[in-house]
N, C-alpha and C. Protein backbone atom coordinates (compact mmCIF):
# COMPACT_ATOMS: atom_id res chain seq x y z
N MET A 1 82.22 94.79 96.35
CA MET A 1 83.17 95.55 96.99
C MET A 1 82.91 95.32 98.62
N PHE A 2 84.26 95.34 99.34
CA PHE A 2 84.31 95.00 100.55
C PHE A 2 85.16 96.10 101.12
N THR A 3 85.03 95.99 102.53
CA THR A 3 85.84 96.98 103.24
C THR A 3 86.92 96.67 104.21
N GLY A 4 87.60 95.02 104.41
CA GLY A 4 88.39 94.75 104.89
C GLY A 4 88.32 94.28 106.49
N ILE A 5 86.74 95.16 106.72
CA ILE A 5 86.38 94.58 108.54
C ILE A 5 86.02 93.49 108.75
N VAL A 6 86.92 92.34 109.37
CA VAL A 6 86.46 91.01 109.37
C VAL A 6 84.94 90.96 110.22
N GLN A 7 83.87 90.07 109.64
CA GLN A 7 82.52 90.28 110.47
C GLN A 7 82.53 88.92 111.29
N ALA A 8 83.13 87.90 110.88
CA ALA A 8 83.46 86.34 111.91
C ALA A 8 84.26 85.36 111.19
N VAL A 9 84.83 84.80 111.86
CA VAL A 9 85.39 83.65 111.41
C VAL A 9 84.90 82.43 111.27
N GLY A 10 85.31 81.65 109.91
CA GLY A 10 84.50 80.68 109.81
C GLY A 10 85.34 79.30 109.68
N GLN A 11 84.98 78.32 108.94
CA GLN A 11 85.84 77.02 108.63
C GLN A 11 85.62 76.66 107.48
N ILE A 12 86.95 75.94 107.24
CA ILE A 12 86.44 74.91 105.68
C ILE A 12 86.11 73.82 106.19
N LEU A 13 85.21 73.03 105.72
CA LEU A 13 84.26 72.09 106.21
C LEU A 13 84.85 70.71 105.18
N LYS A 14 84.60 71.00 103.93
CA LYS A 14 84.82 70.30 102.94
C LYS A 14 85.52 70.70 101.67
N VAL A 15 86.20 70.36 101.01
CA VAL A 15 87.17 70.72 99.87
C VAL A 15 86.85 69.76 98.68
N GLN A 16 85.65 69.97 98.05
CA GLN A 16 85.60 68.97 96.61
C GLN A 16 86.29 68.96 95.23
N PRO A 17 86.76 68.52 95.04
CA PRO A 17 87.73 68.89 93.77
C PRO A 17 87.24 68.35 92.63
N HIS A 18 87.51 69.03 91.57
CA HIS A 18 87.19 69.01 89.76
C HIS A 18 88.01 68.79 89.33
N ASN A 19 88.03 68.75 87.55
CA ASN A 19 88.91 68.73 86.89
C ASN A 19 90.09 69.63 87.24
N HIS A 20 89.40 71.18 87.24
CA HIS A 20 90.39 71.89 87.38
C HIS A 20 90.31 73.13 88.55
N ASP A 21 89.06 72.80 89.23
CA ASP A 21 89.00 73.49 90.14
C ASP A 21 88.23 72.93 91.33
N VAL A 22 87.62 73.43 92.15
CA VAL A 22 87.22 73.05 93.67
C VAL A 22 85.68 74.03 93.97
N SER A 23 85.38 72.89 94.90
CA SER A 23 84.34 73.72 95.54
C SER A 23 84.23 73.68 97.18
N LEU A 24 84.07 74.63 97.81
CA LEU A 24 84.21 74.80 99.40
C LEU A 24 82.92 74.72 99.94
N GLN A 25 82.79 73.59 101.19
CA GLN A 25 81.64 74.33 102.17
C GLN A 25 82.47 74.85 103.18
N ILE A 26 81.85 76.08 103.11
CA ILE A 26 82.51 76.33 104.56
C ILE A 26 81.47 76.65 105.37
N GLU A 27 81.87 76.61 106.52
CA GLU A 27 80.49 76.88 108.09
C GLU A 27 81.28 78.24 108.47
N ALA A 28 80.12 79.18 108.51
CA ALA A 28 79.95 80.72 108.84
C ALA A 28 80.35 81.09 110.23
N GLY A 29 80.37 79.95 111.24
CA GLY A 29 80.64 80.55 112.76
C GLY A 29 79.40 81.89 112.93
N SER A 30 79.90 83.34 113.44
CA SER A 30 79.02 83.86 113.94
C SER A 30 78.36 84.75 112.91
N PHE A 31 78.75 84.62 111.62
CA PHE A 31 78.81 85.03 110.31
C PHE A 31 76.81 85.19 110.13
N ASP A 32 76.11 86.26 110.07
CA ASP A 32 75.15 86.44 109.77
C ASP A 32 74.58 85.85 108.43
N MET A 33 74.24 84.73 108.03
CA MET A 33 73.54 84.29 107.33
C MET A 33 72.24 84.28 106.92
N SER A 34 71.36 85.00 107.88
CA SER A 34 70.20 85.43 107.44
C SER A 34 70.26 86.42 106.34
N VAL A 35 70.85 86.97 106.13
CA VAL A 35 71.07 87.96 105.00
C VAL A 35 71.92 87.70 103.78
N VAL A 36 72.18 86.68 103.82
CA VAL A 36 72.77 86.24 102.55
C VAL A 36 71.99 85.30 101.40
N ALA A 37 71.66 85.43 100.69
CA ALA A 37 71.28 84.86 98.88
C ALA A 37 72.19 84.75 97.95
N LEU A 38 71.45 83.41 97.34
CA LEU A 38 72.30 82.71 96.58
C LEU A 38 72.87 83.86 95.48
N GLY A 39 74.04 83.42 95.20
CA GLY A 39 74.45 84.56 94.19
C GLY A 39 75.59 85.59 94.88
N ASP A 40 75.16 85.56 95.68
CA ASP A 40 76.03 87.05 97.21
C ASP A 40 76.83 86.42 96.95
N SER A 41 78.12 87.86 97.27
CA SER A 41 79.68 87.77 97.04
C SER A 41 80.03 87.75 98.86
N ILE A 42 81.23 86.96 98.81
CA ILE A 42 81.90 86.98 100.88
C ILE A 42 83.12 86.63 100.57
N ALA A 43 83.66 87.70 100.93
CA ALA A 43 85.08 87.57 101.05
C ALA A 43 85.67 86.52 102.10
N THR A 44 86.41 85.72 101.58
CA THR A 44 86.94 84.52 102.23
C THR A 44 88.17 84.80 102.38
N ASN A 45 88.81 85.45 103.41
CA ASN A 45 90.22 84.97 103.50
C ASN A 45 90.83 86.10 102.48
N GLY A 46 89.95 87.18 101.94
CA GLY A 46 90.13 88.11 101.10
C GLY A 46 89.91 87.83 99.76
N VAL A 47 89.42 86.38 99.55
CA VAL A 47 88.99 86.21 98.34
C VAL A 47 87.35 86.21 98.19
N CYS A 48 87.38 87.13 96.92
CA CYS A 48 85.40 87.17 96.70
C CYS A 48 85.00 85.84 96.01
N LEU A 49 84.39 85.10 96.86
CA LEU A 49 83.91 83.92 96.69
C LEU A 49 82.01 84.34 96.27
N THR A 50 81.65 83.80 95.37
CA THR A 50 80.38 83.47 95.07
C THR A 50 79.51 82.46 95.46
N VAL A 51 78.59 82.81 96.30
CA VAL A 51 77.76 81.77 97.33
C VAL A 51 76.76 80.89 96.18
N THR A 52 76.77 79.62 96.37
CA THR A 52 76.31 78.70 94.96
C THR A 52 75.07 78.04 95.61
N LYS A 53 75.06 77.61 97.34
CA LYS A 53 74.44 76.88 98.11
C LYS A 53 74.68 77.50 99.63
N ILE A 54 73.49 77.74 99.75
CA ILE A 54 73.45 77.79 101.53
C ILE A 54 72.85 76.84 102.32
N THR A 55 73.86 76.70 103.41
CA THR A 55 73.45 75.11 104.32
C THR A 55 73.02 75.62 105.16
N ASP A 56 72.50 75.08 106.57
CA ASP A 56 72.56 75.07 107.86
C ASP A 56 73.40 75.80 108.73
N LYS A 57 74.66 75.48 108.05
CA LYS A 57 75.57 76.21 109.47
C LYS A 57 76.42 77.21 108.11
N GLY A 58 76.36 77.05 106.64
CA GLY A 58 77.32 78.11 106.12
C GLY A 58 76.59 78.17 104.81
N PHE A 59 77.59 78.22 103.86
CA PHE A 59 77.76 78.01 102.37
C PHE A 59 78.25 77.19 101.69
N TRP A 60 78.23 77.14 100.28
CA TRP A 60 79.34 76.51 99.52
C TRP A 60 79.81 77.82 98.32
N ALA A 61 80.86 77.28 97.76
CA ALA A 61 81.19 78.62 96.78
C ALA A 61 81.95 77.45 95.87
N ASP A 62 82.00 77.86 94.71
CA ASP A 62 83.21 77.34 93.79
C ASP A 62 84.43 78.34 93.71
N VAL A 63 85.48 77.45 93.32
CA VAL A 63 86.76 78.49 93.31
C VAL A 63 87.56 77.90 91.91
N SER A 64 87.88 78.48 91.00
CA SER A 64 88.55 78.45 89.69
C SER A 64 89.65 78.28 89.72
N LYS A 65 90.43 78.07 88.41
CA LYS A 65 91.70 77.55 88.69
C LYS A 65 92.33 78.71 88.59
N GLU A 66 92.00 80.00 88.42
CA GLU A 66 92.76 81.32 88.34
C GLU A 66 92.62 81.43 89.44
N THR A 67 91.74 81.21 90.49
CA THR A 67 92.20 81.99 91.94
C THR A 67 92.73 80.92 92.39
N LEU A 68 92.85 79.63 92.33
CA LEU A 68 93.68 78.74 93.08
C LEU A 68 95.25 78.67 92.34
N ASP A 69 95.61 79.59 91.24
CA ASP A 69 96.97 79.78 90.74
C ASP A 69 97.37 81.24 91.35
N CYS A 70 96.33 81.88 91.75
CA CYS A 70 96.83 83.33 92.50
C CYS A 70 96.78 83.57 94.04
N THR A 71 96.01 82.75 94.68
CA THR A 71 95.67 82.89 96.00
C THR A 71 96.50 81.44 97.09
N THR A 72 96.16 82.00 98.26
CA THR A 72 96.22 80.21 99.02
C THR A 72 95.37 79.88 98.93
N VAL A 73 94.20 79.79 98.39
CA VAL A 73 92.90 78.85 98.41
C VAL A 73 93.68 77.24 98.28
N ALA A 74 94.29 77.10 97.19
CA ALA A 74 94.85 75.82 96.74
C ALA A 74 95.56 75.04 98.06
N PHE A 75 96.12 75.84 99.16
CA PHE A 75 96.62 75.46 100.20
C PHE A 75 95.36 74.95 101.54
N TRP A 76 94.15 75.60 101.06
CA TRP A 76 93.07 75.42 102.43
C TRP A 76 93.01 73.65 102.64
N GLN A 77 92.68 73.26 103.70
CA GLN A 77 92.36 72.19 103.78
C GLN A 77 91.05 71.93 104.82
N VAL A 78 90.33 71.09 105.34
CA VAL A 78 89.34 70.84 106.00
C VAL A 78 89.59 71.26 107.38
N GLY A 79 89.09 72.34 107.93
CA GLY A 79 89.61 72.48 109.50
C GLY A 79 90.33 73.90 109.20
N LYS A 80 90.85 74.39 108.30
CA LYS A 80 91.14 75.68 108.30
C LYS A 80 90.43 76.94 108.49
N LYS A 81 90.84 77.80 109.39
CA LYS A 81 89.97 78.86 109.31
C LYS A 81 90.30 80.06 108.88
N VAL A 82 89.03 80.85 108.62
CA VAL A 82 89.32 81.78 107.34
C VAL A 82 88.26 82.89 108.19
N ASN A 83 88.92 84.45 107.70
CA ASN A 83 87.94 85.37 107.58
C ASN A 83 87.11 85.55 106.95
N LEU A 84 85.58 86.11 106.96
CA LEU A 84 84.48 86.02 106.61
C LEU A 84 83.83 87.47 106.43
N GLU A 85 83.72 88.10 105.35
CA GLU A 85 83.20 89.60 105.25
C GLU A 85 82.02 89.94 104.21
N GLN A 86 80.86 89.89 104.40
CA GLN A 86 79.68 90.11 103.54
C GLN A 86 79.92 91.43 102.62
N ALA A 87 79.43 91.33 101.24
CA ALA A 87 79.88 92.57 100.39
C ALA A 87 79.07 93.88 100.99
N LEU A 88 79.52 95.01 100.56
CA LEU A 88 79.37 96.62 101.16
C LEU A 88 77.69 96.15 100.42
N MET A 89 76.86 97.18 101.11
CA MET A 89 76.01 97.78 100.72
C MET A 89 75.42 99.19 100.89
N PRO A 90 74.77 100.05 100.02
CA PRO A 90 75.15 101.41 99.69
C PRO A 90 75.26 102.37 101.11
N THR A 91 74.70 101.15 102.50
CA THR A 91 74.76 102.16 103.56
C THR A 91 75.59 101.88 104.45
N SER A 92 76.20 101.03 104.05
CA SER A 92 77.33 100.01 105.40
C SER A 92 78.33 101.56 105.29
N HIS A 93 78.98 101.07 106.76
CA HIS A 93 79.94 102.17 106.84
C HIS A 93 81.21 101.72 106.30
N LEU A 94 81.94 102.55 106.08
CA LEU A 94 83.41 102.12 105.62
C LEU A 94 84.65 102.41 106.50
N GLY A 95 84.75 101.47 107.11
CA GLY A 95 85.58 101.39 108.23
C GLY A 95 87.14 101.20 108.33
N GLY A 96 87.03 100.28 106.95
CA GLY A 96 88.60 99.81 106.69
C GLY A 96 88.92 100.58 105.11
N HIS A 97 89.03 100.06 104.52
CA HIS A 97 89.41 100.65 103.26
C HIS A 97 88.50 99.71 101.56
N ILE A 98 88.77 100.50 100.29
CA ILE A 98 88.04 100.00 99.48
C ILE A 98 88.55 98.95 99.01
N VAL A 99 88.06 97.93 99.00
CA VAL A 99 88.71 96.63 98.85
C VAL A 99 88.25 95.54 97.75
N SER A 100 88.32 95.17 97.06
CA SER A 100 87.82 94.81 95.75
C SER A 100 87.68 93.06 96.12
N GLY A 101 88.35 92.45 96.68
CA GLY A 101 88.33 90.90 97.29
C GLY A 101 88.97 90.15 96.10
N HIS A 102 89.95 90.89 94.97
CA HIS A 102 90.72 90.15 94.20
C HIS A 102 91.73 90.17 94.25
N VAL A 103 92.98 89.09 94.62
CA VAL A 103 94.06 89.11 95.24
C VAL A 103 95.29 89.43 94.29
N ASP A 104 95.79 90.29 94.64
CA ASP A 104 96.89 90.53 93.74
C ASP A 104 98.33 89.43 94.01
N GLY A 105 98.51 88.84 95.06
CA GLY A 105 99.67 88.15 95.25
C GLY A 105 99.81 87.46 96.92
N VAL A 106 100.44 86.75 96.77
CA VAL A 106 100.75 85.69 98.17
C VAL A 106 101.82 86.29 98.96
N GLY A 107 102.00 86.53 100.38
CA GLY A 107 102.64 87.18 100.90
C GLY A 107 103.31 85.82 102.23
N GLU A 108 104.59 86.08 102.68
CA GLU A 108 105.15 85.18 103.78
C GLU A 108 104.95 86.17 105.21
N VAL A 109 104.56 85.46 106.36
CA VAL A 109 104.84 86.20 107.35
C VAL A 109 106.57 85.87 107.79
N ASN A 110 107.35 87.15 108.12
CA ASN A 110 108.51 86.51 108.36
C ASN A 110 109.03 87.33 109.47
N THR A 111 108.39 87.69 110.25
CA THR A 111 108.73 88.55 111.57
C THR A 111 107.28 88.57 112.85
N LEU A 112 107.44 88.09 113.63
CA LEU A 112 106.19 88.33 114.53
C LEU A 112 106.99 88.51 115.84
N LYS A 113 106.43 89.49 116.07
CA LYS A 113 106.94 90.48 117.75
C LYS A 113 105.70 90.25 118.63
N VAL A 114 105.75 90.19 119.77
CA VAL A 114 104.50 90.60 120.76
C VAL A 114 105.18 92.31 121.66
N GLU A 115 104.30 92.86 121.31
CA GLU A 115 104.45 94.18 122.07
C GLU A 115 103.29 94.35 123.04
N GLY A 116 103.85 94.03 124.45
CA GLY A 116 102.17 94.12 125.02
C GLY A 116 101.29 93.33 124.77
N ARG A 117 99.88 94.13 124.49
CA ARG A 117 98.68 93.13 123.94
C ARG A 117 99.00 93.48 122.43
N SER A 118 99.38 93.61 121.68
CA SER A 118 99.72 93.98 120.16
C SER A 118 101.00 93.37 119.89
N TRP A 119 100.98 92.63 118.36
CA TRP A 119 101.85 92.23 117.72
C TRP A 119 102.37 93.24 116.77
N ARG A 120 103.61 92.96 116.24
CA ARG A 120 104.16 93.54 115.28
C ARG A 120 104.28 92.52 114.26
N LEU A 121 104.22 92.80 112.90
CA LEU A 121 103.71 91.64 112.06
C LEU A 121 104.60 92.28 110.50
N GLY A 122 105.65 91.09 110.55
CA GLY A 122 106.30 91.56 109.05
C GLY A 122 106.26 90.38 108.20
N ILE A 123 105.82 90.91 106.90
CA ILE A 123 105.32 90.34 105.59
C ILE A 123 106.25 90.52 104.28
N VAL A 124 106.75 89.74 103.87
CA VAL A 124 107.26 89.44 102.48
C VAL A 124 106.06 89.47 101.07
N ALA A 125 106.10 90.67 100.72
CA ALA A 125 105.25 90.49 99.72
C ALA A 125 106.28 90.29 98.28
N PRO A 126 105.19 89.53 97.15
CA PRO A 126 106.19 89.41 96.13
C PRO A 126 106.77 90.74 95.63
N LYS A 127 107.98 90.64 94.98
CA LYS A 127 108.59 92.21 94.52
C LYS A 127 107.57 92.94 93.80
N GLY A 128 107.00 92.37 92.92
CA GLY A 128 106.14 93.09 91.68
C GLY A 128 105.05 93.73 92.25
N LEU A 129 104.72 93.59 93.80
CA LEU A 129 103.63 94.21 94.63
C LEU A 129 104.27 95.20 95.36
N ALA A 130 105.63 95.72 95.69
CA ALA A 130 106.06 96.39 96.30
C ALA A 130 105.97 98.14 96.10
N LYS A 131 105.86 98.26 94.76
CA LYS A 131 105.76 99.71 94.80
C LYS A 131 104.25 100.16 94.69
N TYR A 132 103.28 99.12 95.24
CA TYR A 132 102.09 99.70 95.42
C TYR A 132 102.18 99.73 97.20
N ILE A 133 102.95 99.83 97.92
CA ILE A 133 102.91 99.19 99.20
C ILE A 133 103.66 100.69 99.94
N ALA A 134 102.96 101.84 100.46
CA ALA A 134 103.41 102.72 101.17
C ALA A 134 103.01 102.83 102.55
N ALA A 135 104.32 103.18 103.26
CA ALA A 135 103.99 103.27 104.61
C ALA A 135 102.87 104.35 104.74
N LYS A 136 101.96 104.47 105.89
CA LYS A 136 100.70 104.42 106.38
C LYS A 136 99.56 104.23 105.33
N GLY A 137 99.93 103.48 104.47
CA GLY A 137 99.39 103.40 102.89
C GLY A 137 98.36 102.26 103.53
N SER A 138 97.26 101.58 102.86
CA SER A 138 96.51 100.36 103.38
C SER A 138 96.79 99.19 102.82
N ILE A 139 96.62 98.01 103.28
CA ILE A 139 96.91 97.00 102.42
C ILE A 139 95.89 95.74 103.18
N THR A 140 95.34 94.88 102.15
CA THR A 140 94.70 93.80 102.66
C THR A 140 94.99 92.67 103.10
N VAL A 141 95.00 92.03 104.04
CA VAL A 141 95.76 91.00 104.04
C VAL A 141 94.89 89.55 104.77
N ASP A 142 94.71 88.78 104.23
CA ASP A 142 93.88 87.87 104.17
C ASP A 142 92.10 88.15 104.23
N GLY A 143 91.85 89.20 103.79
CA GLY A 143 90.79 90.03 103.73
C GLY A 143 90.19 90.85 105.05
N THR A 144 91.62 91.52 106.12
CA THR A 144 91.92 92.32 106.60
C THR A 144 92.31 93.67 106.41
N SER A 145 91.63 94.68 106.68
CA SER A 145 91.99 96.01 105.96
C SER A 145 93.12 96.46 107.14
N LEU A 146 94.44 96.79 107.01
CA LEU A 146 95.07 97.16 107.59
C LEU A 146 96.71 98.59 107.40
N THR A 147 97.16 98.86 108.35
CA THR A 147 97.58 100.02 107.83
C THR A 147 99.11 99.51 108.02
N VAL A 148 99.97 99.87 106.82
CA VAL A 148 101.05 99.75 106.97
C VAL A 148 102.14 100.32 107.87
N ASN A 149 102.94 100.51 108.20
CA ASN A 149 103.62 100.84 109.78
C ASN A 149 105.34 101.10 108.87
N ARG A 150 105.60 100.72 108.16
CA ARG A 150 107.22 100.58 107.68
C ARG A 150 107.31 100.08 106.49
N VAL A 151 108.03 100.26 105.58
CA VAL A 151 108.30 99.44 104.45
C VAL A 151 109.67 99.38 103.81
N ASN A 152 110.60 98.19 103.87
CA ASN A 152 111.95 98.12 103.25
C ASN A 152 112.16 97.03 102.20
N GLY A 153 112.14 97.76 101.10
CA GLY A 153 111.97 96.98 100.05
C GLY A 153 110.57 96.20 99.41
N SER A 154 110.30 95.08 99.50
CA SER A 154 109.29 94.32 99.52
C SER A 154 108.76 93.64 100.31
N TRP A 155 109.34 94.30 101.59
CA TRP A 155 109.16 94.09 103.15
C TRP A 155 108.36 94.99 103.62
N PHE A 156 106.85 94.53 104.27
CA PHE A 156 106.32 95.96 105.06
C PHE A 156 105.81 94.92 106.99
N GLU A 157 105.66 96.44 107.52
CA GLU A 157 105.21 95.67 108.65
C GLU A 157 104.25 96.36 109.55
N LEU A 158 103.57 95.39 109.92
CA LEU A 158 101.92 95.87 110.13
C LEU A 158 102.18 96.48 111.94
N ASN A 159 101.12 96.72 112.54
CA ASN A 159 100.95 96.71 113.70
C ASN A 159 99.50 96.33 114.40
N ILE A 160 99.01 94.88 114.84
CA ILE A 160 98.23 94.60 115.35
C ILE A 160 97.74 95.08 116.64
N VAL A 161 96.23 95.37 116.69
CA VAL A 161 96.11 95.39 117.65
C VAL A 161 95.08 94.48 118.38
N PRO A 162 94.67 94.19 119.66
CA PRO A 162 93.97 93.26 120.24
C PRO A 162 92.80 92.88 119.90
N HIS A 163 91.87 94.17 119.42
CA HIS A 163 90.65 93.31 118.94
C HIS A 163 91.03 93.05 117.78
N THR A 164 91.74 93.13 116.60
CA THR A 164 91.79 92.50 115.24
C THR A 164 92.84 91.09 115.51
N ILE A 165 93.44 91.01 116.39
CA ILE A 165 94.19 89.99 116.85
C ILE A 165 92.64 88.70 117.04
N ASN A 166 92.07 89.17 118.18
CA ASN A 166 90.70 88.07 118.90
C ASN A 166 89.80 87.94 117.68
N GLU A 167 89.49 88.62 116.90
CA GLU A 167 88.28 88.63 115.81
C GLU A 167 88.74 88.13 114.42
N THR A 168 89.89 88.05 114.10
CA THR A 168 90.10 87.55 112.82
C THR A 168 90.86 86.11 113.09
N ILE A 169 91.58 85.33 111.65
CA ILE A 169 92.64 84.42 112.03
C ILE A 169 94.00 84.57 112.07
N ILE A 170 94.38 85.96 112.39
CA ILE A 170 95.60 86.44 112.89
C ILE A 170 96.44 85.94 113.89
N GLN A 171 94.99 85.63 114.79
CA GLN A 171 95.55 84.83 115.99
C GLN A 171 96.59 83.80 115.89
N TYR A 172 95.97 83.01 114.39
CA TYR A 172 96.34 81.77 114.12
C TYR A 172 98.35 81.89 113.45
N TYR A 173 98.15 83.18 112.97
CA TYR A 173 99.84 83.38 111.94
C TYR A 173 100.71 82.68 113.32
N ARG A 174 101.68 82.42 112.34
CA ARG A 174 103.00 81.99 112.70
C ARG A 174 104.33 82.45 111.30
N LEU A 175 105.46 82.10 112.02
CA LEU A 175 106.60 82.24 110.63
C LEU A 175 106.24 81.55 110.06
N GLY A 176 106.52 81.73 108.43
CA GLY A 176 106.19 81.10 107.26
C GLY A 176 104.94 80.86 106.87
N HIS A 177 103.93 81.47 107.79
CA HIS A 177 102.73 81.76 107.61
C HIS A 177 102.02 82.53 105.93
N LYS A 178 101.70 81.44 105.00
CA LYS A 178 101.54 82.49 103.20
C LYS A 178 100.12 83.24 103.96
N VAL A 179 99.83 84.30 103.22
CA VAL A 179 98.96 85.27 103.46
C VAL A 179 98.31 85.90 102.12
N ASN A 180 96.77 85.63 101.98
CA ASN A 180 96.51 86.55 100.51
C ASN A 180 96.88 88.29 100.66
N LEU A 181 97.38 88.85 99.66
CA LEU A 181 97.34 90.31 99.58
C LEU A 181 96.80 90.99 98.79
N GLU A 182 95.98 91.87 99.13
CA GLU A 182 95.07 92.92 98.10
C GLU A 182 95.94 94.32 98.01
N VAL A 183 96.71 94.95 97.22
CA VAL A 183 96.90 96.00 97.74
C VAL A 183 96.15 97.31 97.51
N ASP A 184 96.25 98.48 97.62
CA ASP A 184 95.59 99.87 97.81
C ASP A 184 94.90 99.74 95.84
N ILE A 185 93.77 99.70 95.82
CA ILE A 185 92.93 99.90 94.28
C ILE A 185 93.23 100.65 93.54
N ILE A 186 93.13 101.99 94.56
CA ILE A 186 93.36 103.31 94.15
C ILE A 186 95.08 103.15 93.10
N ALA A 187 96.20 103.00 94.08
CA ALA A 187 97.53 102.76 93.45
C ALA A 187 97.50 101.94 91.97
N ARG A 188 96.74 101.06 91.83
CA ARG A 188 96.42 100.23 90.90
C ARG A 188 96.03 100.95 89.35
N HIS A 189 94.82 101.60 89.94
CA HIS A 189 94.32 102.30 88.65
C HIS A 189 95.04 103.83 88.40
N LEU A 190 95.61 104.21 89.44
CA LEU A 190 96.92 105.13 89.01
C LEU A 190 97.71 104.68 87.97
N GLU A 191 98.06 103.77 88.80
CA GLU A 191 99.36 103.65 87.69
C GLU A 191 98.88 102.91 86.05
N ARG A 192 98.01 102.23 85.98
CA ARG A 192 97.14 102.23 84.65
C ARG A 192 97.07 103.52 83.79
N LEU A 193 96.56 104.58 84.67
CA LEU A 193 95.94 105.94 84.08
C LEU A 193 97.29 106.61 83.51
N LEU A 194 98.36 106.45 84.01
CA LEU A 194 99.56 107.15 84.05
C LEU A 194 100.44 106.72 82.57
N LEU A 195 99.62 105.47 82.45
CA LEU A 195 100.35 105.27 81.43
C LEU A 195 99.89 105.73 79.92
N GLY A 196 98.96 106.66 80.23
CA GLY A 196 97.93 107.24 78.95
C GLY A 196 97.94 106.63 77.67
N ASP A 197 97.83 106.89 76.40
CA ASP A 197 97.43 106.39 75.50
C ASP A 197 98.44 105.10 75.23
N LYS A 198 99.59 105.34 75.92
CA LYS A 198 100.54 103.72 76.01
C LYS A 198 99.44 102.40 76.36
N ALA A 199 98.62 102.75 77.14
CA ALA A 199 97.54 101.33 77.88
C ALA A 199 96.94 100.66 76.62
N ALA A 200 96.97 101.72 75.49
CA ALA A 200 96.46 101.08 74.29
C ALA A 200 96.96 99.99 73.46
N GLU A 201 98.56 100.05 73.79
CA GLU A 201 99.33 99.52 73.33
C GLU A 201 99.57 97.79 73.43
N PRO A 202 99.37 96.68 72.60
CA PRO A 202 99.70 95.53 73.21
C PRO A 202 100.71 95.41 73.91
N ASP A 203 100.75 94.51 74.93
CA ASP A 203 101.59 94.00 75.94
C ASP A 203 102.72 94.94 76.83
N THR A 204 101.79 96.37 76.95
CA THR A 204 102.73 97.30 77.81
C THR A 204 102.41 97.02 79.00
N PRO A 205 103.85 97.00 79.59
CA PRO A 205 103.74 96.50 81.20
C PRO A 205 103.81 98.08 81.76
N SER A 206 103.28 97.43 83.26
CA SER A 206 103.04 98.70 84.09
C SER A 206 104.51 99.03 84.49
N SER A 207 105.20 97.87 84.40
CA SER A 207 106.49 98.53 84.83
C SER A 207 107.38 99.45 83.95
N SER A 208 106.67 99.73 82.92
CA SER A 208 107.37 101.03 81.85
C SER A 208 107.04 102.57 82.65
N ILE A 209 105.88 102.54 83.60
CA ILE A 209 106.44 103.61 84.14
C ILE A 209 107.38 103.66 85.28
N THR A 210 108.66 104.45 85.02
CA THR A 210 109.78 105.07 85.58
C THR A 210 110.02 106.26 86.24
N SER A 211 110.84 106.60 86.83
CA SER A 211 111.32 108.17 87.24
C SER A 211 111.41 108.64 86.71
N ASP A 212 111.98 108.63 85.03
CA ASP A 212 112.14 109.31 84.00
C ASP A 212 110.58 109.75 83.34
N PHE A 213 109.97 108.83 83.39
CA PHE A 213 108.65 108.83 82.58
C PHE A 213 107.52 109.65 83.23
N LEU A 214 107.60 109.45 85.22
CA LEU A 214 106.67 110.57 86.12
C LEU A 214 107.65 111.93 85.72
N ALA A 215 108.72 111.78 85.76
CA ALA A 215 109.34 113.56 85.80
C ALA A 215 108.69 114.21 84.69
N GLU A 216 109.04 113.49 83.07
CA GLU A 216 108.69 114.09 81.98
C GLU A 216 107.19 114.12 82.09
N HIS A 217 106.34 113.40 83.03
CA HIS A 217 104.97 113.88 82.84
C HIS A 217 104.35 114.72 84.16
N GLY A 218 105.68 115.76 84.32
CA GLY A 218 105.25 116.78 85.80
C GLY A 218 105.12 116.05 87.03
N PHE A 219 105.44 114.88 87.16
CA PHE A 219 105.31 114.14 88.77
C PHE A 219 105.85 113.82 89.25
N LEU A 220 107.61 114.29 89.00
CA LEU A 220 108.83 114.26 89.63
C LEU A 220 109.53 115.39 89.19
N THR A 221 110.60 115.79 90.01
CA THR A 221 111.64 116.96 89.69
C THR A 221 112.67 115.98 88.53
N PRO A 222 112.71 116.25 87.13
CA PRO A 222 113.37 115.73 86.61
C PRO A 222 115.13 115.64 87.17
N ARG A 223 115.89 114.14 86.81
CA ARG A 223 116.88 113.95 87.91
C ARG A 223 118.06 114.92 87.06
N LYS A 224 119.23 114.97 88.00
CA LYS A 224 120.24 115.85 87.28
C LYS A 224 121.20 114.70 86.57
N ARG A 225 122.00 114.67 85.60
CA ARG A 225 122.82 114.26 85.42
C ARG A 225 123.83 114.27 85.09
């Protein structure tokens, strides 16, 4: 588990393809590698990666086909900057929100407005994630815990303060930039919980939770017909 508070900006040094997956060598920048051991988890642009080898400047990690299919890792090239965060310890401050490091989808930056020293950033999420994104709720963008300001369909807006711009790869974002998105884990589990016994039925889609379903179970006032 992670908090979405980025600890350092690293860089991809090598991309080593295999048959259906890849290995990455990552230079860790100012990240404290003295506390990292083989098998530890490091969130890399929001993707939970397992350390397979420690080097003088960083670490190696393997990336499965599943991760390549579901995240922006498939597009990473040598020289790309990445956000890094070490996994939580029991004594860690939870400065952001609960983050699993399991990316839900890839979004795209479609608006970027400078306001004083801050940025207003607009991102289009995959349509299937829209129901999990709420105004003043939390979302993880490339491993950074952020608060949603506004929502319009599958589009949402974020306000990025100077510290976050300077300490993360958000400073490199431009229009069209692809980003890893992880929605609030509580919303994910709540959706599944609301299915009740139906969750045990094969091929039950989460989308079966409709307004009528919520009203029937006391979460909404029934709609007048």
